[in-house]
């Protein structure tokens, strides 16, 4: 992330302004991300499941300097929704930033849920998306310490072995349930 007034100067993520929302996802104020996290205030977030042309899932390990869940693995790209930003715009922005691509197709929204963090970081309204990325990825070094496109079977096999971000793990479990419900009602399988 860079300062829009000086693109050469990085912005401290803790200073990013977020919308604070209520239990019905209505904006009730704005605060800096660092304050939102410290006070456990409810905010907004996006999760984007990215598959390559072969249907493998983009998995990465977060950098040690992340404000939340440093050095944990995640099967989603995404992050917080900025103040005044919509979920769809945030999903595309976050996916392109974290993957290091431009021209990604618009992520498809699947469902929304309220995540309540057991670790005391508060709660966040979250929209889960999916997108296919056939572009070569160059993940942000500030965000991603390691990455690979893994077959879904391998992702599932690693769930008990690697330290995963808890909100991403919750979103993935809900996504698996969503696919099961969708495939049984529509007679189709999850996208691969």
N, C-alpha and C. Protein backbone atom coordinates (compact mmCIF):
# COMPACT_ATOMS: atom_id res chain seq x y z
N UNK A 1 0.84 -1.16 0.00
CA UNK A 1 0.00 0.00 0.00
C UNK A 1 0.90 1.23 0.00
N UNK A 2 0.53 2.23 -0.81
CA UNK A 2 1.33 3.45 -0.87
C UNK A 2 0.47 4.65 -0.57
N UNK A 3 1.13 5.75 -0.19
CA UNK A 3 0.48 7.02 0.07
C UNK A 3 0.10 7.62 -1.28
N UNK A 4 -1.18 7.93 -1.49
CA UNK A 4 -1.62 8.45 -2.79
C UNK A 4 -1.03 9.82 -3.09
N UNK A 5 -0.67 10.60 -2.06
CA UNK A 5 -0.05 11.91 -2.30
C UNK A 5 1.42 11.78 -2.63
N UNK A 6 2.04 10.68 -2.21
CA UNK A 6 3.45 10.41 -2.51
C UNK A 6 3.60 8.91 -2.73
N UNK A 7 3.43 8.44 -4.00
CA UNK A 7 3.45 7.00 -4.29
C UNK A 7 4.74 6.29 -3.89
N UNK A 8 5.82 7.03 -3.66
CA UNK A 8 7.07 6.39 -3.26
C UNK A 8 7.11 6.08 -1.76
N UNK A 9 6.16 6.69 -0.99
CA UNK A 9 6.16 6.50 0.45
C UNK A 9 5.10 5.48 0.85
N UNK A 10 5.51 4.37 1.47
CA UNK A 10 4.52 3.39 1.91
C UNK A 10 3.67 3.93 3.06
N UNK A 11 2.43 3.49 3.12
CA UNK A 11 1.53 3.88 4.19
C UNK A 11 1.60 2.81 5.27
N UNK A 12 1.58 3.25 6.52
CA UNK A 12 1.52 2.30 7.62
C UNK A 12 0.11 1.72 7.64
N UNK A 13 -0.03 0.37 7.51
CA UNK A 13 -1.37 -0.23 7.49
C UNK A 13 -2.21 0.13 8.71
N UNK A 14 -1.58 0.36 9.86
CA UNK A 14 -2.33 0.70 11.07
C UNK A 14 -3.03 2.05 10.95
N UNK A 15 -2.57 2.90 10.01
CA UNK A 15 -3.16 4.23 9.82
C UNK A 15 -4.32 4.25 8.82
N UNK A 16 -4.51 3.15 8.09
CA UNK A 16 -5.59 3.09 7.10
C UNK A 16 -6.94 3.30 7.80
N UNK A 17 -7.80 4.13 7.22
CA UNK A 17 -9.10 4.42 7.81
C UNK A 17 -10.13 3.39 7.34
N UNK A 18 -10.85 2.83 8.32
CA UNK A 18 -11.86 1.81 8.05
C UNK A 18 -13.23 2.30 8.53
N UNK A 19 -14.28 1.80 7.89
CA UNK A 19 -15.62 2.02 8.41
C UNK A 19 -15.83 1.08 9.59
N UNK A 20 -16.38 1.58 10.65
CA UNK A 20 -16.82 0.77 11.79
C UNK A 20 -18.31 0.53 11.56
N UNK A 21 -18.74 -0.71 11.71
CA UNK A 21 -20.13 -1.06 11.40
C UNK A 21 -20.80 -1.72 12.60
N UNK A 22 -22.14 -1.73 12.56
CA UNK A 22 -22.90 -2.36 13.64
C UNK A 22 -23.24 -3.81 13.30
N UNK A 23 -24.08 -4.43 14.11
CA UNK A 23 -24.43 -5.84 13.93
C UNK A 23 -25.21 -6.09 12.64
N UNK A 24 -25.72 -5.03 12.00
CA UNK A 24 -26.44 -5.19 10.73
C UNK A 24 -25.62 -4.67 9.55
N UNK A 25 -24.33 -4.44 9.78
CA UNK A 25 -23.40 -3.99 8.75
C UNK A 25 -23.68 -2.56 8.27
N UNK A 26 -24.21 -1.73 9.15
CA UNK A 26 -24.42 -0.31 8.84
C UNK A 26 -23.25 0.48 9.41
N UNK A 27 -22.76 1.44 8.65
CA UNK A 27 -21.63 2.26 9.09
C UNK A 27 -22.07 3.15 10.27
N UNK A 28 -21.28 3.08 11.35
CA UNK A 28 -21.57 3.88 12.54
C UNK A 28 -20.41 4.82 12.89
N UNK A 29 -19.32 4.75 12.14
CA UNK A 29 -18.18 5.61 12.39
C UNK A 29 -16.99 5.19 11.56
N UNK A 30 -15.87 5.86 11.78
CA UNK A 30 -14.62 5.54 11.09
C UNK A 30 -13.47 5.67 12.09
N UNK A 31 -12.52 4.76 11.95
CA UNK A 31 -11.34 4.77 12.82
C UNK A 31 -10.16 4.22 12.03
N UNK A 32 -8.97 4.50 12.52
CA UNK A 32 -7.75 3.93 11.94
C UNK A 32 -7.73 2.43 12.22
N UNK A 33 -7.20 1.67 11.28
CA UNK A 33 -7.16 0.21 11.42
C UNK A 33 -6.52 -0.23 12.73
N UNK A 34 -5.44 0.39 13.14
CA UNK A 34 -4.79 0.04 14.40
C UNK A 34 -5.73 0.18 15.58
N UNK A 35 -6.54 1.26 15.60
CA UNK A 35 -7.52 1.45 16.67
C UNK A 35 -8.64 0.41 16.59
N UNK A 36 -9.09 0.14 15.36
CA UNK A 36 -10.16 -0.85 15.16
C UNK A 36 -9.73 -2.19 15.75
N UNK A 37 -8.50 -2.61 15.44
CA UNK A 37 -8.00 -3.88 15.96
C UNK A 37 -7.82 -3.83 17.48
N UNK A 38 -7.20 -2.75 17.97
CA UNK A 38 -6.92 -2.64 19.41
C UNK A 38 -8.20 -2.62 20.24
N UNK A 39 -9.25 -1.98 19.71
CA UNK A 39 -10.51 -1.87 20.45
C UNK A 39 -11.50 -2.99 20.11
N UNK A 40 -11.15 -3.84 19.16
CA UNK A 40 -12.03 -4.94 18.77
C UNK A 40 -13.32 -4.46 18.13
N UNK A 41 -13.23 -3.39 17.32
CA UNK A 41 -14.43 -2.83 16.69
C UNK A 41 -14.82 -3.61 15.44
N UNK A 42 -16.11 -3.73 15.21
CA UNK A 42 -16.62 -4.46 14.05
C UNK A 42 -16.35 -3.63 12.78
N UNK A 43 -15.84 -4.31 11.76
CA UNK A 43 -15.52 -3.66 10.49
C UNK A 43 -15.85 -4.61 9.35
N UNK A 44 -15.33 -4.34 8.16
CA UNK A 44 -15.63 -5.14 6.97
C UNK A 44 -14.37 -5.75 6.38
N UNK A 45 -14.56 -6.92 5.76
CA UNK A 45 -13.43 -7.67 5.21
C UNK A 45 -13.89 -8.45 3.97
N UNK A 46 -12.95 -8.77 3.09
CA UNK A 46 -13.25 -9.61 1.93
C UNK A 46 -12.29 -10.79 1.89
N UNK A 47 -12.80 -11.93 1.43
CA UNK A 47 -12.03 -13.14 1.22
C UNK A 47 -12.20 -13.55 -0.23
N UNK A 48 -11.11 -13.72 -0.97
CA UNK A 48 -11.19 -14.10 -2.37
C UNK A 48 -10.43 -15.41 -2.57
N UNK A 49 -11.16 -16.47 -2.95
CA UNK A 49 -10.53 -17.75 -3.29
C UNK A 49 -10.10 -17.64 -4.75
N UNK A 50 -8.81 -17.84 -4.99
CA UNK A 50 -8.25 -17.69 -6.33
C UNK A 50 -7.82 -19.06 -6.84
N UNK A 51 -8.30 -19.40 -8.02
CA UNK A 51 -7.88 -20.64 -8.69
C UNK A 51 -7.13 -20.28 -9.96
N UNK A 52 -6.13 -21.12 -10.29
CA UNK A 52 -5.42 -20.92 -11.56
C UNK A 52 -6.19 -21.63 -12.67
N UNK A 53 -5.63 -21.62 -13.88
CA UNK A 53 -6.29 -22.22 -15.04
C UNK A 53 -6.51 -23.72 -14.86
N UNK A 54 -5.72 -24.37 -14.00
CA UNK A 54 -5.85 -25.81 -13.75
C UNK A 54 -6.77 -26.11 -12.57
N UNK A 55 -7.34 -25.07 -11.96
CA UNK A 55 -8.27 -25.26 -10.86
C UNK A 55 -7.62 -25.36 -9.48
N UNK A 56 -6.30 -25.17 -9.42
CA UNK A 56 -5.61 -25.23 -8.13
C UNK A 56 -5.86 -23.93 -7.35
N UNK A 57 -5.79 -24.02 -6.03
CA UNK A 57 -6.06 -22.89 -5.15
C UNK A 57 -4.77 -22.17 -4.77
N UNK A 58 -4.80 -20.84 -4.85
CA UNK A 58 -3.67 -20.03 -4.41
C UNK A 58 -3.62 -20.06 -2.88
N UNK A 59 -2.49 -20.53 -2.35
CA UNK A 59 -2.26 -20.60 -0.90
C UNK A 59 -1.00 -19.81 -0.61
N UNK A 60 -1.01 -19.08 0.49
CA UNK A 60 0.18 -18.32 0.84
C UNK A 60 0.38 -18.27 2.35
N UNK A 61 1.62 -17.94 2.73
CA UNK A 61 1.95 -17.69 4.13
C UNK A 61 2.14 -16.19 4.28
N UNK A 62 1.48 -15.64 5.26
CA UNK A 62 1.56 -14.20 5.51
C UNK A 62 2.94 -13.84 6.05
N UNK A 63 3.34 -12.61 5.83
CA UNK A 63 4.64 -12.16 6.33
C UNK A 63 4.60 -11.99 7.85
N UNK A 64 5.76 -12.05 8.50
CA UNK A 64 5.82 -11.93 9.95
C UNK A 64 5.39 -10.55 10.47
N UNK A 65 5.38 -9.53 9.61
CA UNK A 65 5.04 -8.18 10.05
C UNK A 65 3.56 -7.82 9.97
N UNK A 66 2.71 -8.77 9.60
CA UNK A 66 1.27 -8.49 9.49
C UNK A 66 0.69 -8.14 10.87
N UNK A 67 -0.29 -7.22 10.89
CA UNK A 67 -0.91 -6.81 12.16
C UNK A 67 -1.69 -7.95 12.81
N UNK A 68 -2.37 -8.76 12.00
CA UNK A 68 -3.12 -9.90 12.51
C UNK A 68 -2.57 -11.19 11.90
N UNK A 69 -2.46 -12.21 12.70
CA UNK A 69 -2.09 -13.56 12.27
C UNK A 69 -0.80 -13.61 11.43
N UNK A 70 0.28 -13.00 11.93
CA UNK A 70 1.55 -13.04 11.18
C UNK A 70 2.03 -14.48 11.00
N UNK A 71 2.66 -14.74 9.87
CA UNK A 71 3.27 -16.03 9.52
C UNK A 71 2.29 -17.19 9.46
N UNK A 72 1.00 -16.91 9.36
CA UNK A 72 0.00 -17.96 9.21
C UNK A 72 -0.31 -18.17 7.73
N UNK A 73 -0.80 -19.35 7.42
CA UNK A 73 -1.18 -19.68 6.04
C UNK A 73 -2.62 -19.25 5.79
N UNK A 74 -2.91 -18.99 4.51
CA UNK A 74 -4.27 -18.61 4.12
C UNK A 74 -4.54 -19.13 2.72
N UNK A 75 -5.78 -19.58 2.51
CA UNK A 75 -6.20 -20.04 1.19
C UNK A 75 -7.03 -18.97 0.47
N UNK A 76 -7.06 -17.77 1.05
CA UNK A 76 -7.73 -16.63 0.44
C UNK A 76 -6.76 -15.47 0.34
N UNK A 77 -6.98 -14.61 -0.64
CA UNK A 77 -6.37 -13.29 -0.63
C UNK A 77 -7.49 -12.36 -0.22
N UNK A 78 -7.15 -11.18 0.22
CA UNK A 78 -8.18 -10.25 0.64
C UNK A 78 -7.70 -9.40 1.78
N UNK A 79 -8.66 -8.83 2.48
CA UNK A 79 -8.31 -7.96 3.59
C UNK A 79 -9.46 -7.06 3.95
N UNK A 80 -9.12 -5.98 4.63
CA UNK A 80 -10.15 -5.07 5.10
C UNK A 80 -10.68 -4.20 3.96
N UNK A 81 -11.93 -3.80 4.12
CA UNK A 81 -12.58 -2.88 3.20
C UNK A 81 -12.32 -1.47 3.74
N UNK A 82 -11.77 -0.61 2.91
CA UNK A 82 -11.46 0.75 3.33
C UNK A 82 -12.70 1.60 3.55
N UNK A 83 -12.54 2.69 4.26
CA UNK A 83 -13.66 3.60 4.52
C UNK A 83 -14.28 4.08 3.22
N UNK A 84 -15.60 3.94 3.11
CA UNK A 84 -16.32 4.38 1.92
C UNK A 84 -16.20 3.46 0.73
N UNK A 85 -15.46 2.37 0.85
CA UNK A 85 -15.25 1.42 -0.24
C UNK A 85 -16.30 0.32 -0.18
N UNK A 86 -16.75 -0.16 -1.32
CA UNK A 86 -17.69 -1.28 -1.36
C UNK A 86 -16.95 -2.61 -1.30
N UNK A 87 -17.70 -3.65 -0.93
CA UNK A 87 -17.11 -4.99 -0.86
C UNK A 87 -16.53 -5.42 -2.21
N UNK A 88 -17.29 -5.23 -3.30
CA UNK A 88 -16.84 -5.69 -4.62
C UNK A 88 -15.55 -4.99 -5.04
N UNK A 89 -15.49 -3.67 -4.84
CA UNK A 89 -14.28 -2.92 -5.19
C UNK A 89 -13.10 -3.39 -4.35
N UNK A 90 -13.33 -3.63 -3.06
CA UNK A 90 -12.25 -4.09 -2.18
C UNK A 90 -11.76 -5.47 -2.60
N UNK A 91 -12.67 -6.35 -3.01
CA UNK A 91 -12.27 -7.70 -3.43
C UNK A 91 -11.33 -7.64 -4.64
N UNK A 92 -11.68 -6.84 -5.63
CA UNK A 92 -10.83 -6.72 -6.82
C UNK A 92 -9.51 -6.06 -6.46
N UNK A 93 -9.56 -4.97 -5.69
CA UNK A 93 -8.34 -4.26 -5.30
C UNK A 93 -7.40 -5.18 -4.52
N UNK A 94 -7.93 -5.83 -3.50
CA UNK A 94 -7.10 -6.70 -2.67
C UNK A 94 -6.52 -7.87 -3.47
N UNK A 95 -7.33 -8.48 -4.33
CA UNK A 95 -6.84 -9.61 -5.13
C UNK A 95 -5.71 -9.16 -6.05
N UNK A 96 -5.91 -8.05 -6.75
CA UNK A 96 -4.85 -7.57 -7.65
C UNK A 96 -3.60 -7.18 -6.88
N UNK A 97 -3.76 -6.50 -5.73
CA UNK A 97 -2.60 -6.10 -4.93
C UNK A 97 -1.82 -7.32 -4.44
N UNK A 98 -2.54 -8.26 -3.81
CA UNK A 98 -1.83 -9.39 -3.20
C UNK A 98 -1.24 -10.34 -4.23
N UNK A 99 -1.92 -10.51 -5.37
CA UNK A 99 -1.40 -11.39 -6.42
C UNK A 99 -0.35 -10.69 -7.27
N UNK A 100 -0.33 -9.35 -7.25
CA UNK A 100 0.60 -8.60 -8.07
C UNK A 100 0.24 -8.64 -9.54
N UNK A 101 -1.05 -8.53 -9.83
CA UNK A 101 -1.54 -8.57 -11.21
C UNK A 101 -2.41 -7.35 -11.49
N UNK A 102 -2.64 -7.09 -12.76
CA UNK A 102 -3.59 -6.06 -13.21
C UNK A 102 -4.46 -6.71 -14.27
N UNK A 103 -5.74 -6.29 -14.32
CA UNK A 103 -6.64 -6.82 -15.33
C UNK A 103 -7.32 -8.11 -14.92
N UNK A 104 -7.34 -8.40 -13.63
CA UNK A 104 -8.02 -9.60 -13.14
C UNK A 104 -9.53 -9.41 -13.37
N UNK A 105 -10.21 -10.49 -13.74
CA UNK A 105 -11.66 -10.39 -13.88
C UNK A 105 -12.25 -10.10 -12.50
N UNK A 106 -13.45 -9.50 -12.50
CA UNK A 106 -14.09 -9.14 -11.23
C UNK A 106 -14.44 -10.42 -10.45
N UNK A 107 -14.00 -10.51 -9.18
CA UNK A 107 -14.33 -11.68 -8.37
C UNK A 107 -15.85 -11.83 -8.20
N UNK A 108 -16.29 -13.06 -8.20
CA UNK A 108 -17.72 -13.37 -8.07
C UNK A 108 -18.10 -13.50 -6.59
N UNK A 109 -19.05 -12.67 -6.11
CA UNK A 109 -19.47 -12.80 -4.71
C UNK A 109 -20.29 -14.07 -4.51
N UNK A 110 -20.05 -14.75 -3.39
CA UNK A 110 -20.75 -16.01 -3.11
C UNK A 110 -21.69 -15.90 -1.92
N UNK A 111 -21.19 -15.38 -0.79
CA UNK A 111 -22.02 -15.23 0.40
C UNK A 111 -21.33 -14.30 1.38
N UNK A 112 -22.07 -13.91 2.41
CA UNK A 112 -21.56 -13.01 3.44
C UNK A 112 -21.80 -13.64 4.80
N UNK A 113 -20.90 -13.37 5.76
CA UNK A 113 -21.06 -13.89 7.12
C UNK A 113 -20.38 -12.95 8.10
N UNK A 114 -20.79 -13.04 9.35
CA UNK A 114 -20.17 -12.26 10.42
C UNK A 114 -19.18 -13.17 11.15
N UNK A 115 -17.92 -12.79 11.14
CA UNK A 115 -16.89 -13.56 11.82
C UNK A 115 -16.66 -12.95 13.20
N UNK A 116 -16.71 -13.78 14.23
CA UNK A 116 -16.44 -13.36 15.61
C UNK A 116 -15.11 -13.99 16.02
N UNK A 117 -14.10 -13.18 16.25
CA UNK A 117 -12.77 -13.71 16.55
C UNK A 117 -12.66 -14.14 18.01
N UNK A 118 -12.26 -15.38 18.22
CA UNK A 118 -12.10 -15.91 19.57
C UNK A 118 -10.86 -15.36 20.25
N UNK A 119 -9.93 -14.77 19.47
CA UNK A 119 -8.69 -14.25 20.04
C UNK A 119 -8.78 -12.83 20.56
N UNK A 120 -9.98 -12.25 20.54
CA UNK A 120 -10.15 -10.91 21.09
C UNK A 120 -9.97 -9.77 20.12
N UNK A 121 -9.87 -10.07 18.82
CA UNK A 121 -9.68 -9.01 17.83
C UNK A 121 -10.99 -8.43 17.34
N UNK A 122 -12.13 -8.83 17.89
CA UNK A 122 -13.41 -8.27 17.50
C UNK A 122 -14.13 -9.13 16.49
N UNK A 123 -14.89 -8.46 15.63
CA UNK A 123 -15.65 -9.19 14.61
C UNK A 123 -15.65 -8.38 13.33
N UNK A 124 -15.89 -9.08 12.22
CA UNK A 124 -15.94 -8.39 10.94
C UNK A 124 -16.94 -9.05 10.02
N UNK A 125 -17.72 -8.18 9.35
CA UNK A 125 -18.59 -8.65 8.29
C UNK A 125 -17.70 -9.01 7.12
N UNK A 126 -17.94 -10.17 6.55
CA UNK A 126 -17.05 -10.71 5.52
C UNK A 126 -17.85 -11.19 4.32
N UNK A 127 -17.40 -10.82 3.14
CA UNK A 127 -17.98 -11.36 1.91
C UNK A 127 -16.94 -12.27 1.27
N UNK A 128 -17.38 -13.46 0.88
CA UNK A 128 -16.50 -14.46 0.27
C UNK A 128 -16.72 -14.44 -1.23
N UNK A 129 -15.63 -14.43 -1.97
CA UNK A 129 -15.63 -14.37 -3.44
C UNK A 129 -14.81 -15.51 -4.00
N UNK A 130 -14.95 -15.71 -5.30
CA UNK A 130 -14.04 -16.60 -6.02
C UNK A 130 -13.69 -15.94 -7.35
N UNK A 131 -12.50 -16.28 -7.86
CA UNK A 131 -12.06 -15.75 -9.14
C UNK A 131 -11.04 -16.71 -9.74
N UNK A 132 -10.99 -16.75 -11.05
CA UNK A 132 -9.98 -17.52 -11.75
C UNK A 132 -8.90 -16.54 -12.21
N UNK A 133 -7.65 -16.93 -12.02
CA UNK A 133 -6.52 -16.09 -12.41
C UNK A 133 -5.60 -16.88 -13.32
N UNK A 134 -5.61 -16.54 -14.61
CA UNK A 134 -4.72 -17.19 -15.57
C UNK A 134 -3.45 -16.35 -15.78
N UNK A 135 -3.36 -15.22 -15.09
CA UNK A 135 -2.20 -14.32 -15.22
C UNK A 135 -1.05 -14.82 -14.35
N UNK A 136 0.20 -14.54 -14.74
CA UNK A 136 1.32 -14.89 -13.87
C UNK A 136 1.28 -14.00 -12.62
N UNK A 137 1.38 -14.60 -11.44
CA UNK A 137 1.28 -13.84 -10.21
C UNK A 137 2.66 -13.42 -9.71
N UNK A 138 2.70 -12.25 -9.10
CA UNK A 138 3.90 -11.70 -8.46
C UNK A 138 3.44 -11.10 -7.14
N UNK A 139 3.21 -11.94 -6.13
CA UNK A 139 2.64 -11.47 -4.86
C UNK A 139 3.47 -10.37 -4.20
N UNK A 140 2.77 -9.49 -3.49
CA UNK A 140 3.40 -8.41 -2.74
C UNK A 140 4.32 -8.99 -1.67
N UNK A 141 5.55 -8.57 -1.67
CA UNK A 141 6.50 -9.08 -0.67
C UNK A 141 6.14 -8.61 0.73
N UNK A 142 5.42 -7.48 0.85
CA UNK A 142 4.99 -6.99 2.16
C UNK A 142 3.87 -7.83 2.75
N UNK A 143 3.16 -8.57 1.89
CA UNK A 143 1.99 -9.34 2.31
C UNK A 143 2.25 -10.85 2.33
N UNK A 144 3.06 -11.33 1.39
CA UNK A 144 3.17 -12.77 1.14
C UNK A 144 4.62 -13.23 1.27
N UNK A 145 4.87 -14.14 2.22
CA UNK A 145 6.22 -14.67 2.43
C UNK A 145 6.50 -15.89 1.55
N UNK A 146 5.46 -16.66 1.23
CA UNK A 146 5.56 -17.86 0.40
C UNK A 146 4.22 -18.06 -0.26
N UNK A 147 4.22 -18.66 -1.46
CA UNK A 147 2.94 -18.95 -2.14
C UNK A 147 3.10 -20.11 -3.11
N UNK A 148 1.95 -20.74 -3.41
CA UNK A 148 1.88 -21.80 -4.41
C UNK A 148 0.41 -22.01 -4.77
N UNK A 149 0.19 -22.54 -5.96
CA UNK A 149 -1.15 -22.99 -6.33
C UNK A 149 -1.18 -24.49 -6.01
N UNK A 150 -2.08 -24.89 -5.11
CA UNK A 150 -2.15 -26.28 -4.65
C UNK A 150 -3.48 -26.91 -5.03
N UNK A 151 -3.46 -28.20 -5.37
CA UNK A 151 -4.74 -28.90 -5.59
C UNK A 151 -5.56 -28.85 -4.30
N UNK A 152 -6.88 -28.79 -4.44
CA UNK A 152 -7.73 -28.69 -3.26
C UNK A 152 -7.52 -29.84 -2.29
N UNK A 153 -7.24 -31.03 -2.80
CA UNK A 153 -7.00 -32.17 -1.93
C UNK A 153 -5.79 -31.91 -1.02
N UNK A 154 -4.76 -31.27 -1.56
CA UNK A 154 -3.59 -30.96 -0.74
C UNK A 154 -3.92 -29.88 0.29
N UNK A 155 -4.72 -28.89 -0.10
CA UNK A 155 -5.13 -27.86 0.86
C UNK A 155 -5.85 -28.53 2.03
N UNK A 156 -6.80 -29.39 1.73
CA UNK A 156 -7.54 -30.08 2.79
C UNK A 156 -6.61 -30.93 3.65
N UNK A 157 -5.61 -31.58 3.04
CA UNK A 157 -4.67 -32.41 3.79
C UNK A 157 -3.80 -31.57 4.73
N UNK A 158 -3.56 -30.32 4.40
CA UNK A 158 -2.71 -29.44 5.21
C UNK A 158 -3.48 -28.71 6.33
N UNK A 159 -4.80 -28.82 6.35
CA UNK A 159 -5.60 -28.07 7.33
C UNK A 159 -5.18 -28.36 8.77
N UNK A 160 -4.82 -29.58 9.07
CA UNK A 160 -4.40 -29.92 10.43
C UNK A 160 -2.92 -29.76 10.69
N UNK A 161 -2.14 -29.53 9.63
CA UNK A 161 -0.69 -29.47 9.75
C UNK A 161 -0.12 -28.05 9.86
N UNK A 162 -0.69 -27.11 9.14
CA UNK A 162 -0.15 -25.75 9.07
C UNK A 162 -0.96 -24.82 9.96
N UNK A 163 -0.33 -23.77 10.49
CA UNK A 163 -1.10 -22.76 11.23
C UNK A 163 -1.84 -21.86 10.22
N UNK A 164 -3.14 -21.94 10.21
CA UNK A 164 -3.98 -21.17 9.27
C UNK A 164 -4.58 -19.97 9.99
N UNK A 165 -4.81 -18.89 9.24
CA UNK A 165 -5.52 -17.75 9.82
C UNK A 165 -6.92 -18.23 10.20
N UNK A 166 -7.36 -17.95 11.42
CA UNK A 166 -8.65 -18.50 11.86
C UNK A 166 -9.84 -18.01 11.06
N UNK A 167 -9.84 -16.74 10.63
CA UNK A 167 -10.98 -16.26 9.86
C UNK A 167 -11.02 -16.89 8.47
N UNK A 168 -9.86 -17.10 7.86
CA UNK A 168 -9.80 -17.77 6.57
C UNK A 168 -10.24 -19.22 6.67
N UNK A 169 -9.86 -19.87 7.75
CA UNK A 169 -10.28 -21.26 7.97
C UNK A 169 -11.80 -21.33 8.14
N UNK A 170 -12.36 -20.40 8.89
CA UNK A 170 -13.82 -20.35 9.06
C UNK A 170 -14.50 -20.09 7.72
N UNK A 171 -13.96 -19.17 6.93
CA UNK A 171 -14.53 -18.86 5.61
C UNK A 171 -14.45 -20.08 4.69
N UNK A 172 -13.33 -20.81 4.75
CA UNK A 172 -13.17 -21.99 3.90
C UNK A 172 -14.19 -23.07 4.26
N UNK A 173 -14.39 -23.29 5.55
CA UNK A 173 -15.39 -24.28 5.98
C UNK A 173 -16.79 -23.88 5.53
N UNK A 174 -17.12 -22.60 5.66
CA UNK A 174 -18.43 -22.12 5.19
C UNK A 174 -18.54 -22.25 3.67
N UNK A 175 -17.43 -22.02 2.97
CA UNK A 175 -17.42 -22.15 1.51
C UNK A 175 -17.66 -23.60 1.09
N UNK A 176 -17.03 -24.53 1.79
CA UNK A 176 -17.26 -25.96 1.49
C UNK A 176 -18.74 -26.31 1.71
N UNK A 177 -19.34 -25.81 2.79
CA UNK A 177 -20.77 -26.03 3.04
C UNK A 177 -21.62 -25.39 1.94
N UNK A 178 -21.23 -24.19 1.53
CA UNK A 178 -21.94 -23.47 0.47
C UNK A 178 -21.93 -24.29 -0.83
N UNK A 179 -20.75 -24.83 -1.18
CA UNK A 179 -20.64 -25.64 -2.40
C UNK A 179 -21.49 -26.90 -2.30
N UNK A 180 -21.49 -27.51 -1.12
CA UNK A 180 -22.31 -28.72 -0.93
C UNK A 180 -23.79 -28.40 -1.11
N UNK A 181 -24.25 -27.31 -0.49
CA UNK A 181 -25.65 -26.91 -0.63
C UNK A 181 -25.99 -26.53 -2.06
N UNK A 182 -25.08 -25.77 -2.70
CA UNK A 182 -25.31 -25.32 -4.07
C UNK A 182 -25.33 -26.50 -5.03
N UNK A 183 -24.38 -27.43 -4.87
CA UNK A 183 -24.32 -28.57 -5.81
C UNK A 183 -25.50 -29.51 -5.62
N UNK A 184 -25.99 -29.67 -4.39
CA UNK A 184 -27.14 -30.57 -4.19
C UNK A 184 -28.43 -29.93 -4.69
N UNK A 185 -28.54 -28.60 -4.59
CA UNK A 185 -29.76 -27.95 -5.06
C UNK A 185 -29.74 -27.69 -6.57
N UNK A 186 -28.55 -27.50 -7.14
CA UNK A 186 -28.47 -27.19 -8.56
C UNK A 186 -27.98 -28.39 -9.39
N UNK A 187 -27.61 -29.48 -8.71
CA UNK A 187 -27.12 -30.65 -9.42
C UNK A 187 -25.76 -30.42 -10.06
N UNK A 188 -24.98 -29.49 -9.50
CA UNK A 188 -23.66 -29.21 -10.07
C UNK A 188 -22.60 -29.35 -8.99
N UNK A 189 -21.35 -29.31 -9.42
CA UNK A 189 -20.22 -29.43 -8.52
C UNK A 189 -19.61 -28.05 -8.30
N UNK A 190 -18.81 -27.88 -7.22
CA UNK A 190 -18.12 -26.61 -7.01
C UNK A 190 -17.20 -26.31 -8.19
N UNK A 191 -16.93 -25.03 -8.45
CA UNK A 191 -16.04 -24.67 -9.54
C UNK A 191 -14.64 -25.23 -9.31
N UNK A 192 -14.01 -25.69 -10.33
CA UNK A 192 -12.65 -26.23 -10.22
C UNK A 192 -11.77 -25.59 -11.26
